[in-house]
Amino acid sequence: MASKGVRRGLIATGAAGIALLAIGGVAVLVISSHRAPAPLALSSSAPIQASGAASGNWTVAAGSEVGYRVKEQFIDQPGPTEAVARTTKISGGFRVEGSGTGLRAVGIHFTADLSALQSQDQYANYKIYQRDFFIRTVYLQTDQFPDADFTASSATIPDGIASGPASVSVAGSLKVHGVTRAVTTQLQAQRNATGVEVAGSIKVDMRDFRVEVPSISFTTAQPDVVIEYHLLFVRA
């Protein structure tokens, strides 16, 4: 018969094993409970055949979104998840010049209100809401730098945009946190029932914009950021 000491050891070992299994189960539950939305993209509805000339002024319409996507690690998680936040407070537009196959967009300018960023990923605790507060007040400092601005002098509009999605590369300047950097964005564009829509992204390192990499009591982020957007345009 096992001694009392041996029995106590077996009980302690079993309890430790159960505790580890429980912790592991909670970790898996925490990871599986996190849901990040898919990257912003063109609407799934079929593009329409464009009618009428595209030349003229175009302005951002309701339904547009701009946001960020960053890898982060919560202290109670065994692995990283994606932090996703977006704002719908966007203004700007461009002018289309030329005709036929010689169209160009000029005077491209967009402004996104960063103070209105709200997390979109779903996570099973309250910390996601704390994240928004710290990002706005401590890291982006939106009281002092409320907007992100993108400008580009011009971009060539592909011939095929009149009949379906087309790829476009646009070189311009991005201003965030009071710092301006040259960037290039890759996007998809298409005509829709009400005008034009574009969707794309820009990859940046937040440190290039003098934004400190978030590291607070409950989460630590990575410096690489994907800025993503889905913009709808109507004639101005």
Protein backbone atom coordinates (compact mmCIF):
# COMPACT_ATOMS: atom_id res chain seq x y z
CA MET A 1 0.00 0.00 0.00
CA ALA A 2 1.36 3.44 -0.89
CA SER A 3 2.52 5.63 1.97
CA LYS A 4 0.75 8.86 2.85
CA GLY A 5 3.67 10.80 1.36
CA VAL A 6 3.41 8.95 -1.93
CA ARG A 7 -0.36 9.47 -2.01
CA ARG A 8 0.09 13.18 -1.34
CA GLY A 9 2.65 13.33 -4.15
CA LEU A 10 0.31 11.59 -6.56
CA ILE A 11 -2.55 13.89 -5.60
CA ALA A 12 -0.35 16.97 -6.03
CA THR A 13 0.89 15.75 -9.40
CA GLY A 14 -2.66 15.03 -10.54
CA ALA A 15 -3.85 18.45 -9.38
CA ALA A 16 -0.98 20.14 -11.23
CA GLY A 17 -1.83 18.20 -14.36
CA ILE A 18 -5.48 19.19 -14.14
CA ALA A 19 -4.46 22.82 -13.61
CA LEU A 20 -2.21 22.75 -16.68
CA LEU A 21 -4.97 21.21 -18.76
CA ALA A 22 -7.38 23.85 -17.53
CA ILE A 23 -4.94 26.66 -18.35
CA GLY A 24 -4.31 25.16 -21.76
CA GLY A 25 -8.03 24.88 -22.37
CA VAL A 26 -8.56 28.52 -21.39
CA ALA A 27 -5.72 29.58 -23.70
CA VAL A 28 -7.25 27.70 -26.60
CA LEU A 29 -10.65 29.18 -25.75
CA VAL A 30 -9.19 32.70 -25.65
CA ILE A 31 -7.49 32.31 -29.04
CA SER A 32 -10.53 30.68 -30.63
CA SER A 33 -12.81 33.41 -29.25
CA HIS A 34 -10.89 36.12 -31.11
CA ARG A 35 -12.37 37.11 -34.46
CA ALA A 36 -10.71 39.66 -36.75
CA PRO A 37 -12.64 40.89 -39.79
CA ALA A 38 -11.33 40.12 -43.26
CA PRO A 39 -9.24 42.80 -45.01
CA LEU A 40 -11.23 45.53 -46.70
CA ALA A 41 -11.98 44.67 -50.34
CA LEU A 42 -14.18 45.59 -53.27
CA SER A 43 -17.84 44.71 -52.89
CA SER A 44 -18.80 41.28 -54.15
CA SER A 45 -21.54 42.62 -56.38
CA ALA A 46 -20.73 42.44 -60.08
CA PRO A 47 -19.28 45.65 -61.54
CA ILE A 48 -21.41 47.49 -64.05
CA GLN A 49 -20.54 48.62 -67.53
CA ALA A 50 -19.69 52.30 -67.16
CA SER A 51 -21.93 54.78 -68.90
CA GLY A 52 -20.96 58.35 -69.63
CA ALA A 53 -17.59 60.07 -69.38
CA ALA A 54 -15.55 59.60 -66.23
CA SER A 55 -13.95 63.04 -66.43
CA GLY A 56 -14.76 65.52 -63.70
CA ASN A 57 -14.60 65.72 -59.92
CA TRP A 58 -15.21 62.75 -57.62
CA THR A 59 -15.67 62.88 -53.85
CA VAL A 60 -15.66 60.33 -51.02
CA ALA A 61 -19.14 58.99 -50.26
CA ALA A 62 -20.82 57.47 -47.20
CA GLY A 63 -19.91 53.85 -46.56
CA SER A 64 -16.17 54.38 -46.98
CA GLU A 65 -13.79 52.93 -44.39
CA VAL A 66 -10.13 53.33 -43.45
CA GLY A 67 -8.31 51.42 -40.73
CA TYR A 68 -5.28 49.57 -39.49
CA ARG A 69 -4.34 45.94 -38.92
CA VAL A 70 -1.55 45.08 -36.42
CA LYS A 71 -0.32 41.91 -34.76
CA GLU A 72 -0.52 42.08 -30.96
CA GLN A 73 0.01 39.77 -28.00
CA PHE A 74 -2.21 39.94 -24.93
CA ILE A 75 -0.54 38.77 -21.72
CA ASP A 76 -3.13 36.02 -21.20
CA GLN A 77 -2.81 34.61 -24.72
CA PRO A 78 -0.37 31.91 -25.91
CA GLY A 79 0.00 33.51 -29.35
CA PRO A 80 -0.52 36.76 -31.29
CA THR A 81 -3.83 37.92 -32.73
CA GLU A 82 -4.77 40.74 -35.11
CA ALA A 83 -5.88 44.11 -33.81
CA VAL A 84 -8.18 45.78 -36.34
CA ALA A 85 -9.67 49.26 -35.99
CA ARG A 86 -11.52 51.41 -38.51
CA THR A 87 -13.05 54.83 -39.01
CA THR A 88 -15.80 55.95 -41.36
CA LYS A 89 -15.02 59.65 -40.97
CA ILE A 90 -13.23 60.25 -44.26
CA SER A 91 -13.14 63.16 -46.69
CA GLY A 92 -11.39 63.93 -49.96
CA GLY A 93 -11.50 63.09 -53.62
CA PHE A 94 -9.81 63.57 -56.98
CA ARG A 95 -10.39 64.87 -60.49
CA VAL A 96 -10.39 62.75 -63.63
CA GLU A 97 -8.87 64.38 -66.69
CA GLY A 98 -8.59 63.18 -70.27
CA SER A 99 -10.84 60.95 -72.32
CA GLY A 100 -10.97 57.50 -73.83
CA THR A 101 -7.87 55.49 -72.97
CA GLY A 102 -5.94 58.50 -71.68
CA LEU A 103 -7.60 59.02 -68.31
CA ARG A 104 -5.69 60.22 -65.26
CA ALA A 105 -6.74 60.97 -61.70
CA VAL A 106 -5.16 64.20 -60.45
CA GLY A 107 -5.19 66.12 -57.19
CA ILE A 108 -5.74 62.95 -55.17
CA HIS A 109 -6.29 63.73 -51.49
CA PHE A 110 -7.91 61.89 -48.58
CA THR A 111 -8.20 62.61 -44.87
CA ALA A 112 -9.22 60.08 -42.20
CA ASP A 113 -10.25 61.08 -38.68
CA LEU A 114 -8.09 58.90 -36.41
CA SER A 115 -9.88 60.08 -33.28
CA ALA A 116 -12.89 58.08 -34.51
CA LEU A 117 -11.02 54.76 -34.82
CA GLN A 118 -12.90 51.88 -33.22
CA SER A 119 -11.75 48.28 -32.82
CA GLN A 120 -13.53 45.81 -35.08
CA ASP A 121 -12.05 42.50 -33.91
CA GLN A 122 -14.11 40.52 -31.41
CA TYR A 123 -12.38 39.39 -28.23
CA ALA A 124 -13.85 37.77 -25.14
CA ASN A 125 -12.91 40.42 -22.58
CA TYR A 126 -12.97 44.15 -21.99
CA LYS A 127 -9.35 44.86 -22.92
CA ILE A 128 -10.13 45.52 -26.57
CA TYR A 129 -11.95 48.70 -25.52
CA GLN A 130 -9.02 49.80 -23.40
CA ARG A 131 -6.83 49.37 -26.49
CA ASP A 132 -8.79 52.06 -28.38
CA PHE A 133 -8.33 54.52 -25.53
CA PHE A 134 -4.58 54.00 -25.30
CA ILE A 135 -4.07 54.07 -29.08
CA ARG A 136 -5.88 57.40 -29.38
CA THR A 137 -4.49 59.16 -26.32
CA VAL A 138 -0.98 57.76 -25.80
CA TYR A 139 0.29 56.51 -29.16
CA LEU A 140 -1.45 58.36 -32.01
CA GLN A 141 -2.06 61.37 -29.74
CA THR A 142 -5.16 62.33 -31.69
CA ASP A 143 -5.76 65.43 -29.56
CA GLN A 144 -2.67 66.87 -31.27
CA PHE A 145 -2.67 64.85 -34.52
CA PRO A 146 -6.31 63.98 -35.25
CA ASP A 147 -5.99 63.12 -38.94
CA ALA A 148 -4.11 60.90 -41.36
CA ASP A 149 -3.64 62.45 -44.81
CA PHE A 150 -2.77 60.82 -48.13
CA THR A 151 -1.96 62.90 -51.20
CA ALA A 152 -0.78 62.06 -54.71
CA SER A 153 -0.30 64.33 -57.69
CA SER A 154 -1.68 61.86 -60.23
CA ALA A 155 -2.34 58.23 -61.14
CA THR A 156 -3.02 56.51 -64.44
CA ILE A 157 -6.49 54.97 -64.71
CA PRO A 158 -6.37 51.57 -66.47
CA ASP A 159 -8.39 51.19 -69.65
CA GLY A 160 -10.27 48.16 -68.31
CA ILE A 161 -11.85 49.89 -65.32
CA ALA A 162 -14.95 50.65 -67.37
CA SER A 163 -15.84 46.96 -67.58
CA GLY A 164 -14.43 45.35 -64.43
CA PRO A 165 -11.93 45.51 -61.54
CA ALA A 166 -8.51 46.91 -62.44
CA SER A 167 -5.21 47.07 -60.55
CA VAL A 168 -3.65 50.47 -59.90
CA SER A 169 -0.38 51.52 -58.23
CA VAL A 170 -0.35 55.01 -56.73
CA ALA A 171 2.75 56.75 -55.38
CA GLY A 172 2.10 59.54 -52.93
CA SER A 173 2.69 60.93 -49.45
CA LEU A 174 1.20 59.76 -46.16
CA LYS A 175 1.09 62.04 -43.13
CA VAL A 176 0.46 60.47 -39.72
CA HIS A 177 1.34 61.78 -36.26
CA GLY A 178 2.73 64.95 -37.84
CA VAL A 179 5.25 63.03 -39.96
CA THR A 180 5.10 62.74 -43.76
CA ARG A 181 6.59 59.79 -45.63
CA ALA A 182 6.61 58.71 -49.28
CA VAL A 183 4.49 55.58 -49.81
CA THR A 184 3.10 53.49 -52.64
CA THR A 185 -0.28 51.84 -52.40
CA GLN A 186 -1.60 48.96 -54.46
CA LEU A 187 -5.33 49.03 -55.04
CA GLN A 188 -8.21 47.51 -56.97
CA ALA A 189 -10.77 49.81 -58.60
CA GLN A 190 -14.10 49.26 -60.31
CA ARG A 191 -17.27 51.07 -61.35
CA ASN A 192 -20.45 50.30 -59.42
CA ALA A 193 -24.08 51.32 -59.53
CA THR A 194 -23.47 54.70 -57.89
CA GLY A 195 -19.97 55.62 -59.00
CA VAL A 196 -16.51 54.21 -58.32
CA GLU A 197 -15.04 52.12 -55.52
CA VAL A 198 -11.44 51.32 -54.66
CA ALA A 199 -9.88 49.03 -52.06
CA GLY A 200 -6.24 48.58 -51.15
CA SER A 201 -3.58 48.84 -48.50
CA ILE A 202 -0.30 50.45 -47.49
CA LYS A 203 2.33 48.66 -45.39
CA VAL A 204 4.31 50.85 -43.01
CA ASP A 205 6.45 50.68 -39.89
CA MET A 206 4.81 52.83 -37.21
CA ARG A 207 8.24 53.89 -35.96
CA ASP A 208 8.82 55.73 -39.27
CA PHE A 209 6.03 58.08 -38.18
CA ARG A 210 7.48 58.51 -34.67
CA VAL A 211 4.72 56.41 -33.18
CA GLU A 212 5.95 54.41 -30.21
CA VAL A 213 5.28 50.68 -30.52
CA PRO A 214 2.43 49.99 -28.05
CA SER A 215 3.50 48.02 -25.00
CA ILE A 216 1.21 48.42 -22.02
CA SER A 217 0.18 46.33 -19.05
CA PHE A 218 -2.02 43.90 -20.95
CA THR A 219 -0.79 43.89 -24.56
CA THR A 220 2.26 44.40 -26.78
CA ALA A 221 2.04 45.21 -30.49
CA GLN A 222 4.39 44.63 -33.40
CA PRO A 223 5.70 47.67 -35.32
CA ASP A 224 4.47 46.61 -38.77
CA VAL A 225 1.12 48.12 -39.73
CA VAL A 226 -1.19 47.46 -42.66
CA ILE A 227 -3.30 50.51 -43.44
CA GLU A 228 -6.33 49.33 -45.39
CA TYR A 229 -9.15 51.18 -47.05
CA HIS A 230 -12.37 50.74 -49.01
CA LEU A 231 -13.43 54.03 -50.55
CA LEU A 232 -16.64 54.83 -52.41
CA PHE A 233 -16.81 57.81 -54.76
CA VAL A 234 -19.64 59.74 -56.34
CA ARG A 235 -19.53 62.71 -58.65
CA ALA A 236 -18.95 65.94 -56.78
